[in-house]
Amino acid sequence: MKSITKNIVLSAMFLAIGLILPFFTVQIPQIGQMLLPMHIPVLLCGFVCGWQSGAIVGFVLPLLRSAIFGMPVFFPSATGMAFELMTYGLVAGLLYSLSKWKCLLALYRSLVIAMLARARGVGPRADHPAGVSRCICSSLGHLLTPFPALSPSLC
C-alpha cells in the first residue's frame, strides 16, 4: 500500500474511532472527563500518520461530531475543541517526527509537551468558552461590524 493511501485510510479510521469512542463514556461523565475520548484518536493519528494528518483529524473531528450528533454544541464548544485538538495532534505528531529515535521515551516526551502546549494556551481551549468566543469574534470581527445587533450576543 502506498504511503499516501495508507495515511488517508488510517486517518479515516482514527476519525471514525473519534466519532464512536465518546459513546462509551457518556454514561459515566467522570470517566469521560478523565479519559477525554476525542483526544486519544487525535493523539494516535499524530503519532502514526504524522503531524499534518493529526492536525487535520483534530480540527475536523469535533466539527463533524457536532454536525452529525449535535454534541458537542457547535459554538463555542465544538469550535474551541477544533482548535484545541488541532494543536494537540499537530504538536504531538511534529515532536515525535522530529525526534532522533522513535522509541518509547520520544513518544512520552511528545505526549507530555503536547499536553503542556494544550494546557498553556497555545490554542484556544474548549473548557474556556470565553477565551474561545473572544478568539473567534476577534478573527471574524470585521464581518460583524455591519451588524451591530449580532455583536453583543456573539462576543
Protein backbone atom coordinates (compact mmCIF):
# COMPACT_ATOMS: atom_id res chain seq x y z
CA MET A 1 0.00 0.00 0.00
CA LYS A 2 1.34 3.42 -0.86
CA SER A 3 2.23 5.79 1.94
CA ILE A 4 -0.34 8.44 0.97
CA THR A 5 -3.15 5.90 0.70
CA LYS A 6 -2.11 4.31 3.97
CA ASN A 7 -2.16 7.70 5.77
CA ILE A 8 -5.60 8.55 4.36
CA VAL A 9 -7.06 5.19 5.40
CA LEU A 10 -5.51 5.38 8.88
CA SER A 11 -6.66 9.00 9.30
CA ALA A 12 -10.21 7.98 8.34
CA MET A 13 -10.03 5.13 10.85
CA PHE A 14 -8.89 7.46 13.63
CA LEU A 15 -11.65 9.89 12.68
CA ALA A 16 -14.23 7.09 12.91
CA ILE A 17 -12.84 5.98 16.28
CA GLY A 18 -13.06 9.58 17.48
CA LEU A 19 -16.71 9.74 16.43
CA ILE A 20 -17.65 6.47 18.17
CA LEU A 21 -15.45 6.45 21.31
CA PRO A 22 -17.37 9.17 23.25
CA PHE A 23 -20.49 6.97 23.19
CA PHE A 24 -18.79 4.50 25.51
CA THR A 25 -18.03 7.14 28.15
CA VAL A 26 -21.23 9.21 28.01
CA GLN A 27 -22.97 7.09 30.66
CA ILE A 28 -20.38 7.95 33.32
CA PRO A 29 -19.33 11.62 32.92
CA GLN A 30 -16.45 11.37 35.42
CA ILE A 31 -14.75 8.72 33.29
CA GLY A 32 -15.37 10.73 30.12
CA GLN A 33 -13.77 13.82 31.66
CA MET A 34 -10.81 11.77 32.83
CA LEU A 35 -10.20 9.81 29.59
CA LEU A 36 -11.02 12.61 27.11
CA PRO A 37 -12.25 10.16 24.44
CA MET A 38 -11.90 12.53 21.47
CA HIS A 39 -8.27 13.31 22.32
CA ILE A 40 -6.98 9.73 22.16
CA PRO A 41 -7.56 9.12 18.40
CA VAL A 42 -6.13 12.55 17.53
CA LEU A 43 -3.02 11.83 19.55
CA LEU A 44 -2.58 8.42 17.94
CA CYS A 45 -3.18 9.88 14.48
CA GLY A 46 -0.45 12.46 15.09
CA PHE A 47 1.97 9.72 16.12
CA VAL A 48 1.11 7.18 13.42
CA CYS A 49 0.22 9.33 10.38
CA GLY A 50 2.26 12.47 11.04
CA TRP A 51 1.57 15.97 12.21
CA GLN A 52 -0.35 17.02 9.09
CA SER A 53 -2.91 14.24 9.46
CA GLY A 54 -3.06 14.72 13.22
CA ALA A 55 -3.85 18.41 12.78
CA ILE A 56 -6.50 17.78 10.11
CA VAL A 57 -8.22 14.99 12.06
CA GLY A 58 -8.05 17.09 15.23
CA PHE A 59 -9.71 20.04 13.52
CA VAL A 60 -12.39 18.07 11.67
CA LEU A 61 -13.36 15.61 14.43
CA PRO A 62 -15.31 17.88 16.83
CA LEU A 63 -16.94 19.82 13.99
CA LEU A 64 -18.07 16.62 12.26
CA ARG A 65 -19.27 15.11 15.53
CA SER A 66 -21.22 18.28 16.25
CA ALA A 67 -22.80 18.24 12.77
CA ILE A 68 -23.75 14.55 12.94
CA PHE A 69 -24.70 14.01 16.59
CA GLY A 70 -25.24 17.52 17.93
CA MET A 71 -22.68 17.05 20.70
CA PRO A 72 -20.56 18.93 21.49
CA VAL A 73 -22.57 22.07 20.81
CA PHE A 74 -21.18 23.77 17.71
CA PHE A 75 -20.48 27.16 19.27
CA PRO A 76 -18.46 27.61 21.46
CA SER A 77 -17.62 24.01 22.45
CA ALA A 78 -17.00 22.26 19.12
CA THR A 79 -15.34 25.31 17.61
CA GLY A 80 -12.96 25.62 20.53
CA MET A 81 -12.31 21.89 20.59
CA ALA A 82 -11.43 22.01 16.90
CA PHE A 83 -8.54 24.37 17.55
CA GLU A 84 -7.59 22.56 20.77
CA LEU A 85 -7.44 19.12 19.14
CA MET A 86 -5.69 20.53 16.08
CA THR A 87 -2.96 21.89 18.37
CA TYR A 88 -2.80 18.59 20.22
CA GLY A 89 -2.41 16.45 17.08
CA LEU A 90 -0.01 18.90 15.45
CA VAL A 91 2.37 19.28 18.41
CA ALA A 92 2.38 15.57 19.30
CA GLY A 93 2.97 14.47 15.71
CA LEU A 94 5.55 17.16 14.96
CA LEU A 95 7.63 16.48 18.06
CA TYR A 96 7.53 12.73 17.51
CA SER A 97 8.52 13.08 13.86
CA LEU A 98 11.40 15.43 14.76
CA SER A 99 12.78 13.14 17.47
CA LYS A 100 16.02 11.41 16.60
CA TRP A 101 14.96 8.00 17.89
CA LYS A 102 11.46 6.60 17.53
CA CYS A 103 11.34 4.97 20.94
CA LEU A 104 9.07 4.97 23.95
CA LEU A 105 10.92 7.90 25.51
CA ALA A 106 10.33 10.05 22.42
CA LEU A 107 6.66 9.05 22.49
CA TYR A 108 6.25 10.09 26.14
CA ARG A 109 8.22 13.29 25.60
CA SER A 110 5.97 14.26 22.68
CA LEU A 111 2.86 13.39 24.67
CA VAL A 112 3.84 15.47 27.69
CA ILE A 113 4.87 18.52 25.63
CA ALA A 114 1.65 18.33 23.57
CA MET A 115 -0.40 18.19 26.76
CA LEU A 116 1.51 21.18 28.16
CA ALA A 117 1.02 23.12 24.91
CA ARG A 118 -2.71 22.45 25.10
CA ALA A 119 -2.88 23.33 28.80
CA ARG A 120 -0.82 26.51 28.49
CA GLY A 121 -2.98 28.03 25.80
CA VAL A 122 -1.06 27.55 22.57
CA GLY A 123 -4.51 27.05 21.04
CA PRO A 124 -7.93 28.05 22.38
CA ARG A 125 -9.39 25.53 24.80
CA ALA A 126 -12.91 24.18 24.76
CA ASP A 127 -13.25 24.33 28.53
CA HIS A 128 -12.75 28.10 28.46
CA PRO A 129 -15.65 29.30 26.28
CA ALA A 130 -15.00 32.96 26.94
CA GLY A 131 -11.49 32.64 25.54
CA VAL A 132 -12.75 30.70 22.54
CA SER A 133 -15.52 33.14 21.71
CA ARG A 134 -13.18 36.10 22.15
CA CYS A 135 -10.68 34.46 19.79
CA ILE A 136 -13.31 33.68 17.17
CA CYS A 137 -15.00 37.07 17.42
CA SER A 138 -11.72 38.91 17.09
CA SER A 139 -10.87 36.95 13.96
CA LEU A 140 -14.35 37.45 12.48
CA GLY A 141 -14.92 40.93 13.92
CA HIS A 142 -14.66 42.65 10.57
CA LEU A 143 -17.61 40.58 9.33
CA LEU A 144 -19.82 41.56 12.28
CA THR A 145 -19.36 45.33 12.06
CA PRO A 146 -22.23 45.90 9.59
CA PHE A 147 -24.50 44.01 12.03
CA PRO A 148 -24.08 45.64 15.44
CA ALA A 149 -27.10 43.78 16.82
CA LEU A 150 -25.24 40.47 16.42
CA SER A 151 -22.00 41.60 18.03
CA PRO A 152 -23.09 41.62 21.72
CA SER A 153 -24.70 38.18 21.53
CA LEU A 154 -21.62 36.54 19.99
CA CYS A 155 -18.87 38.43 21.77
